[in-house]
Amino acid sequence: MRSFGSIVVLTLALVGGVAAATPAERAKDLVGQMTLEEKLEMVHGIPGPYVGNVRAIDRLGIPALTLNDGPQGFRAKVPGTSTMWPSGLTV
């Protein structure tokens, strides 16, 4: 799941608010402050209405994430709450 890990690092870099020279350094610092349980939950998610639910980590300024499972649509119990991108063929 290398691409998912990259998304997590990018997300952490964008929301962390940690003062460091580069986004990669800020992300590394933020991940260093996370507990093992928080890291595992970030990768595995928690039960919820979406395919990928991640609990917020308020002490680090990381918001809750609701991730879906595809660029052309999604499976969720909450219809109409996600952006739908054009198909690759359309692009």
PDB file of N, CA and C in Angstrom:
ATOM      1  N   MET A   1       0.834  -1.193   0.000  1.00  0.00           N
ATOM      2  CA  MET A   1       0.000   0.000   0.000  1.00  0.00           C
ATOM      3  C   MET A   1       0.868   1.241   0.000  1.00  0.00           C
ATOM      4  N   ARG A   2       1.826   1.259  -0.828  1.00  0.00           N
ATOM      5  CA  ARG A   2       2.743   2.376  -0.859  1.00  0.00           C
ATOM      6  C   ARG A   2       2.030   3.685  -1.195  1.00  0.00           C
ATOM      7  N   SER A   3       1.103   3.671  -2.157  1.00  0.00           N
ATOM      8  CA  SER A   3       0.423   4.902  -2.539  1.00  0.00           C
ATOM      9  C   SER A   3      -0.425   5.435  -1.394  1.00  0.00           C
ATOM     10  N   PHE A   4      -1.094   4.530  -0.626  1.00  0.00           N
ATOM     11  CA  PHE A   4      -1.878   4.997   0.516  1.00  0.00           C
ATOM     12  C   PHE A   4      -0.976   5.641   1.547  1.00  0.00           C
ATOM     13  N   GLY A   5       0.212   5.045   1.776  1.00  0.00           N
ATOM     14  CA  GLY A   5       1.160   5.629   2.710  1.00  0.00           C
ATOM     15  C   GLY A   5       1.582   7.021   2.280  1.00  0.00           C
ATOM     16  N   SER A   6       1.749   7.216   0.981  1.00  0.00           N
ATOM     17  CA  SER A   6       2.101   8.541   0.459  1.00  0.00           C
ATOM     18  C   SER A   6       0.984   9.531   0.710  1.00  0.00           C
ATOM     19  N   ILE A   7      -0.254   9.069   0.559  1.00  0.00           N
ATOM     20  CA  ILE A   7      -1.401   9.950   0.824  1.00  0.00           C
ATOM     21  C   ILE A   7      -1.415  10.344   2.286  1.00  0.00           C
ATOM     22  N   VAL A   8      -1.174   9.386   3.167  1.00  0.00           N
ATOM     23  CA  VAL A   8      -1.154   9.672   4.599  1.00  0.00           C
ATOM     24  C   VAL A   8      -0.071  10.685   4.917  1.00  0.00           C
ATOM     25  N   VAL A   9       1.125  10.492   4.383  1.00  0.00           N
ATOM     26  CA  VAL A   9       2.225  11.420   4.645  1.00  0.00           C
ATOM     27  C   VAL A   9       1.891  12.802   4.110  1.00  0.00           C
ATOM     28  N   LEU A  10       1.333  12.878   2.900  1.00  0.00           N
ATOM     29  CA  LEU A  10       0.962  14.160   2.330  1.00  0.00           C
ATOM     30  C   LEU A  10      -0.111  14.819   3.176  1.00  0.00           C
ATOM     31  N   THR A  11      -1.122  14.059   3.593  1.00  0.00           N
ATOM     32  CA  THR A  11      -2.178  14.604   4.434  1.00  0.00           C
ATOM     33  C   THR A  11      -1.600  15.126   5.731  1.00  0.00           C
ATOM     34  N   LEU A  12      -0.730  14.350   6.353  1.00  0.00           N
ATOM     35  CA  LEU A  12      -0.123  14.782   7.598  1.00  0.00           C
ATOM     36  C   LEU A  12       0.709  16.037   7.397  1.00  0.00           C
ATOM     37  N   ALA A  13       1.404  16.126   6.283  1.00  0.00           N
ATOM     38  CA  ALA A  13       2.224  17.294   6.012  1.00  0.00           C
ATOM     39  C   ALA A  13       1.361  18.539   5.837  1.00  0.00           C
ATOM     40  N   LEU A  14       0.191  18.386   5.256  1.00  0.00           N
ATOM     41  CA  LEU A  14      -0.666  19.525   4.985  1.00  0.00           C
ATOM     42  C   LEU A  14      -1.423  20.008   6.210  1.00  0.00           C
ATOM     43  N   VAL A  15      -1.772  19.119   7.134  1.00  0.00           N
ATOM     44  CA  VAL A  15      -2.604  19.512   8.263  1.00  0.00           C
ATOM     45  C   VAL A  15      -1.842  19.596   9.579  1.00  0.00           C
ATOM     46  N   GLY A  16      -0.600  19.211   9.581  1.00  0.00           N
ATOM     47  CA  GLY A  16       0.126  19.108  10.835  1.00  0.00           C
ATOM     48  C   GLY A  16       0.423  20.408  11.534  1.00  0.00           C
ATOM     49  N   GLY A  17       0.696  21.458  10.785  1.00  0.00           N
ATOM     50  CA  GLY A  17       1.027  22.722  11.392  1.00  0.00           C
ATOM     51  C   GLY A  17       2.351  22.702  12.146  1.00  0.00           C
ATOM     52  N   VAL A  18       3.188  21.736  11.881  1.00  0.00           N
ATOM     53  CA  VAL A  18       4.475  21.630  12.556  1.00  0.00           C
ATOM     54  C   VAL A  18       5.478  22.487  11.795  1.00  0.00           C
ATOM     55  N   ALA A  19       6.177  23.351  12.511  1.00  0.00           N
ATOM     56  CA  ALA A  19       7.139  24.235  11.859  1.00  0.00           C
ATOM     57  C   ALA A  19       8.413  23.462  11.516  1.00  0.00           C
ATOM     58  N   ALA A  20       8.658  23.242  10.242  1.00  0.00           N
ATOM     59  CA  ALA A  20       9.875  22.584   9.763  1.00  0.00           C
ATOM     60  C   ALA A  20      10.165  23.124   8.377  1.00  0.00           C
ATOM     61  N   ALA A  21      11.335  22.842   7.871  1.00  0.00           N
ATOM     62  CA  ALA A  21      11.778  23.431   6.613  1.00  0.00           C
ATOM     63  C   ALA A  21      10.991  22.937   5.396  1.00  0.00           C
ATOM     64  N   THR A  22      10.677  21.651   5.338  1.00  0.00           N
ATOM     65  CA  THR A  22       9.997  21.118   4.157  1.00  0.00           C
ATOM     66  C   THR A  22       8.765  20.324   4.574  1.00  0.00           C
ATOM     67  N   PRO A  23       7.832  20.100   3.649  1.00  0.00           N
ATOM     68  CA  PRO A  23       6.675  19.254   3.971  1.00  0.00           C
ATOM     69  C   PRO A  23       7.088  17.854   4.429  1.00  0.00           C
ATOM     70  N   ALA A  24       8.118  17.280   3.816  1.00  0.00           N
ATOM     71  CA  ALA A  24       8.577  15.943   4.209  1.00  0.00           C
ATOM     72  C   ALA A  24       9.078  15.942   5.651  1.00  0.00           C
ATOM     73  N   GLU A  25       9.795  16.973   6.035  1.00  0.00           N
ATOM     74  CA  GLU A  25      10.287  17.064   7.414  1.00  0.00           C
ATOM     75  C   GLU A  25       9.134  17.255   8.397  1.00  0.00           C
ATOM     76  N   ARG A  26       8.162  18.089   8.013  1.00  0.00           N
ATOM     77  CA  ARG A  26       6.990  18.298   8.877  1.00  0.00           C
ATOM     78  C   ARG A  26       6.222  16.992   9.047  1.00  0.00           C
ATOM     79  N   ALA A  27       6.047  16.234   7.949  1.00  0.00           N
ATOM     80  CA  ALA A  27       5.335  14.960   8.018  1.00  0.00           C
ATOM     81  C   ALA A  27       6.084  13.973   8.908  1.00  0.00           C
ATOM     82  N   LYS A  28       7.403  13.901   8.756  1.00  0.00           N
ATOM     83  CA  LYS A  28       8.211  12.985   9.566  1.00  0.00           C
ATOM     84  C   LYS A  28       8.091  13.334  11.044  1.00  0.00           C
ATOM     85  N   ASP A  29       8.112  14.600  11.363  1.00  0.00           N
ATOM     86  CA  ASP A  29       7.970  15.047  12.746  1.00  0.00           C
ATOM     87  C   ASP A  29       6.590  14.676  13.298  1.00  0.00           C
ATOM     88  N   LEU A  30       5.567  14.886  12.500  1.00  0.00           N
ATOM     89  CA  LEU A  30       4.196  14.580  12.919  1.00  0.00           C
ATOM     90  C   LEU A  30       4.013  13.088  13.148  1.00  0.00           C
ATOM     91  N   VAL A  31       4.507  12.266  12.229  1.00  0.00           N
ATOM     92  CA  VAL A  31       4.419  10.814  12.390  1.00  0.00           C
ATOM     93  C   VAL A  31       5.196  10.389  13.632  1.00  0.00           C
ATOM     94  N   GLY A  32       6.305  11.050  13.912  1.00  0.00           N
ATOM     95  CA  GLY A  32       7.093  10.745  15.102  1.00  0.00           C
ATOM     96  C   GLY A  32       6.346  11.017  16.399  1.00  0.00           C
ATOM     97  N   GLN A  33       5.374  11.922  16.367  1.00  0.00           N
ATOM     98  CA  GLN A  33       4.578  12.251  17.552  1.00  0.00           C
ATOM     99  C   GLN A  33       3.367  11.328  17.729  1.00  0.00           C
ATOM    100  N   MET A  34       3.050  10.559  16.691  1.00  0.00           N
ATOM    101  CA  MET A  34       1.890   9.668  16.762  1.00  0.00           C
ATOM    102  C   MET A  34       2.218   8.406  17.545  1.00  0.00           C
ATOM    103  N   THR A  35       1.216   7.896  18.267  1.00  0.00           N
ATOM    104  CA  THR A  35       1.380   6.620  18.955  1.00  0.00           C
ATOM    105  C   THR A  35       1.276   5.499  17.925  1.00  0.00           C
ATOM    106  N   LEU A  36       1.701   4.297  18.305  1.00  0.00           N
ATOM    107  CA  LEU A  36       1.573   3.154  17.411  1.00  0.00           C
ATOM    108  C   LEU A  36       0.100   2.915  17.074  1.00  0.00           C
ATOM    109  N   GLU A  37      -0.770   3.024  18.057  1.00  0.00           N
ATOM    110  CA  GLU A  37      -2.208   2.840  17.820  1.00  0.00           C
ATOM    111  C   GLU A  37      -2.734   3.848  16.795  1.00  0.00           C
ATOM    112  N   GLU A  38      -2.318   5.105  16.889  1.00  0.00           N
ATOM    113  CA  GLU A  38      -2.753   6.125  15.927  1.00  0.00           C
ATOM    114  C   GLU A  38      -2.244   5.816  14.518  1.00  0.00           C
ATOM    115  N   LYS A  39      -1.020   5.351  14.416  1.00  0.00           N
ATOM    116  CA  LYS A  39      -0.461   5.003  13.105  1.00  0.00           C
ATOM    117  C   LYS A  39      -1.226   3.839  12.479  1.00  0.00           C
ATOM    118  N   LEU A  40      -1.484   2.811  13.282  1.00  0.00           N
ATOM    119  CA  LEU A  40      -2.219   1.650  12.763  1.00  0.00           C
ATOM    120  C   LEU A  40      -3.634   2.041  12.356  1.00  0.00           C
ATOM    121  N   GLU A  41      -4.273   2.865  13.153  1.00  0.00           N
ATOM    122  CA  GLU A  41      -5.626   3.304  12.825  1.00  0.00           C
ATOM    123  C   GLU A  41      -5.635   4.150  11.553  1.00  0.00           C
ATOM    124  N   MET A  42      -4.595   4.924  11.335  1.00  0.00           N
ATOM    125  CA  MET A  42      -4.496   5.747  10.127  1.00  0.00           C
ATOM    126  C   MET A  42      -4.424   4.867   8.881  1.00  0.00           C
ATOM    127  N   VAL A  43      -3.751   3.725   9.001  1.00  0.00           N
ATOM    128  CA  VAL A  43      -3.602   2.823   7.865  1.00  0.00           C
ATOM    129  C   VAL A  43      -4.822   1.918   7.691  1.00  0.00           C
ATOM    130  N   HIS A  44      -5.350   1.416   8.796  1.00  0.00           N
ATOM    131  CA  HIS A  44      -6.454   0.455   8.737  1.00  0.00           C
ATOM    132  C   HIS A  44      -7.831   1.100   8.798  1.00  0.00           C
ATOM    133  N   GLY A  45      -7.939   2.285   9.370  1.00  0.00           N
ATOM    134  CA  GLY A  45      -9.229   2.947   9.488  1.00  0.00           C
ATOM    135  C   GLY A  45     -10.068   2.394  10.624  1.00  0.00           C
ATOM    136  N   ILE A  46     -11.290   2.934  10.731  1.00  0.00           N
ATOM    137  CA  ILE A  46     -12.234   2.536  11.761  1.00  0.00           C
ATOM    138  C   ILE A  46     -13.582   2.290  11.093  1.00  0.00           C
ATOM    139  N   PRO A  47     -14.480   1.546  11.738  1.00  0.00           N
ATOM    140  CA  PRO A  47     -15.806   1.330  11.150  1.00  0.00           C
ATOM    141  C   PRO A  47     -16.568   2.645  11.000  1.00  0.00           C
ATOM    142  N   GLY A  48     -17.359   2.748   9.957  1.00  0.00           N
ATOM    143  CA  GLY A  48     -18.154   3.947   9.723  1.00  0.00           C
ATOM    144  C   GLY A  48     -18.888   3.858   8.403  1.00  0.00           C
ATOM    145  N   PRO A  49     -19.521   4.951   7.998  1.00  0.00           N
ATOM    146  CA  PRO A  49     -20.359   4.923   6.797  1.00  0.00           C
ATOM    147  C   PRO A  49     -19.582   4.865   5.485  1.00  0.00           C
ATOM    148  N   TYR A  50     -18.297   5.159   5.497  1.00  0.00           N
ATOM    149  CA  TYR A  50     -17.497   5.147   4.285  1.00  0.00           C
ATOM    150  C   TYR A  50     -16.571   3.940   4.272  1.00  0.00           C
ATOM    151  N   VAL A  51     -15.938   3.708   3.140  1.00  0.00           N
ATOM    152  CA  VAL A  51     -14.999   2.599   3.019  1.00  0.00           C
ATOM    153  C   VAL A  51     -13.758   2.873   3.869  1.00  0.00           C
ATOM    154  N   GLY A  52     -13.288   4.097   3.898  1.00  0.00           N
ATOM    155  CA  GLY A  52     -12.099   4.456   4.668  1.00  0.00           C
ATOM    156  C   GLY A  52     -12.392   5.576   5.644  1.00  0.00           C
ATOM    157  N   ASN A  53     -12.587   5.239   6.882  1.00  0.00           N
ATOM    158  CA  ASN A  53     -12.835   6.231   7.931  1.00  0.00           C
ATOM    159  C   ASN A  53     -11.620   6.275   8.839  1.00  0.00           C
ATOM    160  N   VAL A  54     -11.130   7.471   9.110  1.00  0.00           N
ATOM    161  CA  VAL A  54      -9.985   7.645   9.994  1.00  0.00           C
ATOM    162  C   VAL A  54     -10.375   8.679  11.041  1.00  0.00           C
ATOM    163  N   ARG A  55     -10.198   8.303  12.301  1.00  0.00           N
ATOM    164  CA  ARG A  55     -10.538   9.188  13.419  1.00  0.00           C
ATOM    165  C   ARG A  55      -9.591  10.389  13.455  1.00  0.00           C
ATOM    166  N   ALA A  56     -10.093  11.526  13.889  1.00  0.00           N
ATOM    167  CA  ALA A  56      -9.264  12.724  14.053  1.00  0.00           C
ATOM    168  C   ALA A  56      -8.262  12.516  15.182  1.00  0.00           C
ATOM    169  N   ILE A  57      -7.120  13.155  15.057  1.00  0.00           N
ATOM    170  CA  ILE A  57      -6.139  13.185  16.146  1.00  0.00           C
ATOM    171  C   ILE A  57      -6.018  14.653  16.534  1.00  0.00           C
ATOM    172  N   ASP A  58      -6.896  15.064  17.432  1.00  0.00           N
ATOM    173  CA  ASP A  58      -7.011  16.481  17.787  1.00  0.00           C
ATOM    174  C   ASP A  58      -5.722  17.071  18.343  1.00  0.00           C
ATOM    175  N   ARG A  59      -5.004  16.306  19.151  1.00  0.00           N
ATOM    176  CA  ARG A  59      -3.795  16.849  19.784  1.00  0.00           C
ATOM    177  C   ARG A  59      -2.721  17.218  18.758  1.00  0.00           C
ATOM    178  N   LEU A  60      -2.808  16.626  17.552  1.00  0.00           N
ATOM    179  CA  LEU A  60      -1.844  16.925  16.493  1.00  0.00           C
ATOM    180  C   LEU A  60      -2.457  17.767  15.377  1.00  0.00           C
ATOM    181  N   GLY A  61      -3.735  18.097  15.506  1.00  0.00           N
ATOM    182  CA  GLY A  61      -4.400  18.907  14.480  1.00  0.00           C
ATOM    183  C   GLY A  61      -4.739  18.138  13.220  1.00  0.00           C
ATOM    184  N   ILE A  62      -4.854  16.813  13.313  1.00  0.00           N
ATOM    185  CA  ILE A  62      -5.186  15.990  12.152  1.00  0.00           C
ATOM    186  C   ILE A  62      -6.696  15.778  12.142  1.00  0.00           C
ATOM    187  N   PRO A  63      -7.384  16.226  11.086  1.00  0.00           N
ATOM    188  CA  PRO A  63      -8.844  16.066  11.047  1.00  0.00           C
ATOM    189  C   PRO A  63      -9.248  14.628  10.722  1.00  0.00           C
ATOM    190  N   ALA A  64     -10.486  14.300  11.007  1.00  0.00           N
ATOM    191  CA  ALA A  64     -11.026  13.001  10.614  1.00  0.00           C
ATOM    192  C   ALA A  64     -11.061  12.933   9.091  1.00  0.00           C
ATOM    193  N   LEU A  65     -10.837  11.743   8.559  1.00  0.00           N
ATOM    194  CA  LEU A  65     -10.867  11.546   7.111  1.00  0.00           C
ATOM    195  C   LEU A  65     -11.978  10.573   6.759  1.00  0.00           C
ATOM    196  N   THR A  66     -12.693  10.856   5.682  1.00  0.00           N
ATOM    197  CA  THR A  66     -13.681   9.926   5.144  1.00  0.00           C
ATOM    198  C   THR A  66     -13.287   9.680   3.695  1.00  0.00           C
ATOM    199  N   LEU A  67     -12.669   8.533   3.462  1.00  0.00           N
ATOM    200  CA  LEU A  67     -12.123   8.199   2.150  1.00  0.00           C
ATOM    201  C   LEU A  67     -13.029   7.197   1.457  1.00  0.00           C
ATOM    202  N   ASN A  68     -13.145   7.306   0.163  1.00  0.00           N
ATOM    203  CA  ASN A  68     -13.974   6.397  -0.615  1.00  0.00           C
ATOM    204  C   ASN A  68     -13.122   5.574  -1.547  1.00  0.00           C
ATOM    205  N   ASP A  69     -13.748   4.638  -2.249  1.00  0.00           N
ATOM    206  CA  ASP A  69     -12.983   3.604  -2.919  1.00  0.00           C
ATOM    207  C   ASP A  69     -12.921   3.658  -4.438  1.00  0.00           C
ATOM    208  N   GLY A  70     -12.982   4.805  -5.029  1.00  0.00           N
ATOM    209  CA  GLY A  70     -12.804   4.807  -6.470  1.00  0.00           C
ATOM    210  C   GLY A  70     -12.930   6.188  -7.080  1.00  0.00           C
ATOM    211  N   PRO A  71     -12.264   6.416  -8.201  1.00  0.00           N
ATOM    212  CA  PRO A  71     -12.314   7.725  -8.847  1.00  0.00           C
ATOM    213  C   PRO A  71     -13.629   7.989  -9.582  1.00  0.00           C
ATOM    214  N   GLN A  72     -14.368   6.939  -9.966  1.00  0.00           N
ATOM    215  CA  GLN A  72     -15.615   7.129 -10.705  1.00  0.00           C
ATOM    216  C   GLN A  72     -16.845   7.019  -9.815  1.00  0.00           C
ATOM    217  N   GLY A  73     -16.692   6.748  -8.589  1.00  0.00           N
ATOM    218  CA  GLY A  73     -17.819   6.610  -7.694  1.00  0.00           C
ATOM    219  C   GLY A  73     -17.364   6.014  -6.382  1.00  0.00           C
ATOM    220  N   PHE A  74     -18.323   5.627  -5.550  1.00  0.00           N
ATOM    221  CA  PHE A  74     -17.949   5.108  -4.244  1.00  0.00           C
ATOM    222  C   PHE A  74     -19.075   4.287  -3.649  1.00  0.00           C
ATOM    223  N   ARG A  75     -18.711   3.502  -2.645  1.00  0.00           N
ATOM    224  CA  ARG A  75     -19.690   2.773  -1.861  1.00  0.00           C
ATOM    225  C   ARG A  75     -19.783   3.476  -0.520  1.00  0.00           C
ATOM    226  N   ALA A  76     -20.968   3.884  -0.154  1.00  0.00           N
ATOM    227  CA  ALA A  76     -21.154   4.521   1.142  1.00  0.00           C
ATOM    228  C   ALA A  76     -22.607   4.408   1.543  1.00  0.00           C
ATOM    229  N   LYS A  77     -22.828   4.482   2.825  1.00  0.00           N
ATOM    230  CA  LYS A  77     -24.192   4.502   3.340  1.00  0.00           C
ATOM    231  C   LYS A  77     -24.747   5.924   3.331  1.00  0.00           C
ATOM    232  N   VAL A  78     -23.921   6.873   2.944  1.00  0.00           N
ATOM    233  CA  VAL A  78     -24.323   8.276   2.906  1.00  0.00           C
ATOM    234  C   VAL A  78     -24.188   8.760   1.466  1.00  0.00           C
ATOM    235  N   PRO A  79     -25.191   8.483   0.604  1.00  0.00           N
ATOM    236  CA  PRO A  79     -25.068   8.856  -0.812  1.00  0.00           C
ATOM    237  C   PRO A  79     -24.985  10.365  -1.025  1.00  0.00           C
ATOM    238  N   GLY A  80     -24.257  10.739  -2.070  1.00  0.00           N
ATOM    239  CA  GLY A  80     -24.163  12.141  -2.457  1.00  0.00           C
ATOM    240  C   GLY A  80     -23.228  12.976  -1.620  1.00  0.00           C
ATOM    241  N   THR A  81     -22.339  12.342  -0.865  1.00  0.00           N
ATOM    242  CA  THR A  81     -21.454  13.125  -0.004  1.00  0.00           C
ATOM    243  C   THR A  81     -19.996  13.065  -0.455  1.00  0.00           C
ATOM    244  N   SER A  82     -19.763  12.751  -1.712  1.00  0.00           N
ATOM    245  CA  SER A  82     -18.397  12.649  -2.223  1.00  0.00           C
ATOM    246  C   SER A  82     -18.305  13.291  -3.603  1.00  0.00           C
ATOM    247  N   THR A  83     -17.120  13.773  -3.919  1.00  0.00           N
ATOM    248  CA  THR A  83     -16.868  14.306  -5.254  1.00  0.00           C
ATOM    249  C   THR A  83     -16.675  13.156  -6.221  1.00  0.00           C
ATOM    250  N   MET A  84     -17.236  13.270  -7.411  1.00  0.00           N
ATOM    251  CA  MET A  84     -17.061  12.242  -8.431  1.00  0.00           C
ATOM    252  C   MET A  84     -16.266  12.845  -9.580  1.00  0.00           C
ATOM    253  N   TRP A  85     -15.129  12.261  -9.889  1.00  0.00           N
ATOM    254  CA  TRP A  85     -14.262  12.757 -10.952  1.00  0.00           C
ATOM    255  C   TRP A  85     -14.632  12.128 -12.283  1.00  0.00           C
ATOM    256  N   PRO A  86     -14.297  12.792 -13.401  1.00  0.00           N
ATOM    257  CA  PRO A  86     -14.551  12.175 -14.705  1.00  0.00           C
ATOM    258  C   PRO A  86     -13.698  10.925 -14.873  1.00  0.00           C
ATOM    259  N   SER A  87     -14.162  10.020 -15.697  1.00  0.00           N
ATOM    260  CA  SER A  87     -13.407   8.786 -15.907  1.00  0.00           C
ATOM    261  C   SER A  87     -12.074   9.071 -16.596  1.00  0.00           C
ATOM    262  N   GLY A  88     -11.156   8.129 -16.458  1.00  0.00           N
ATOM    263  CA  GLY A  88      -9.853   8.275 -17.113  1.00  0.00           C
ATOM    264  C   GLY A  88      -9.985   8.419 -18.620  1.00  0.00           C
ATOM    265  N   LEU A  89     -10.941   7.700 -19.209  1.00  0.00           N
ATOM    266  CA  LEU A  89     -11.165   7.781 -20.647  1.00  0.00           C
ATOM    267  C   LEU A  89     -11.640   9.178 -21.051  1.00  0.00           C
ATOM    268  N   THR A  90     -12.491   9.777 -20.237  1.00  0.00           N
ATOM    269  CA  THR A  90     -12.985  11.127 -20.516  1.00  0.00           C
ATOM    270  C   THR A  90     -11.861  12.134 -20.493  1.00  0.00           C
ATOM    271  N   VAL A  91     -10.968  11.983 -19.532  1.00  0.00           N
ATOM    272  CA  VAL A  91      -9.854  12.915 -19.395  1.00  0.00           C
ATOM    273  C   VAL A  91      -8.937  12.767 -20.581  1.00  0.00           C
TER     274      VAL A  91
END
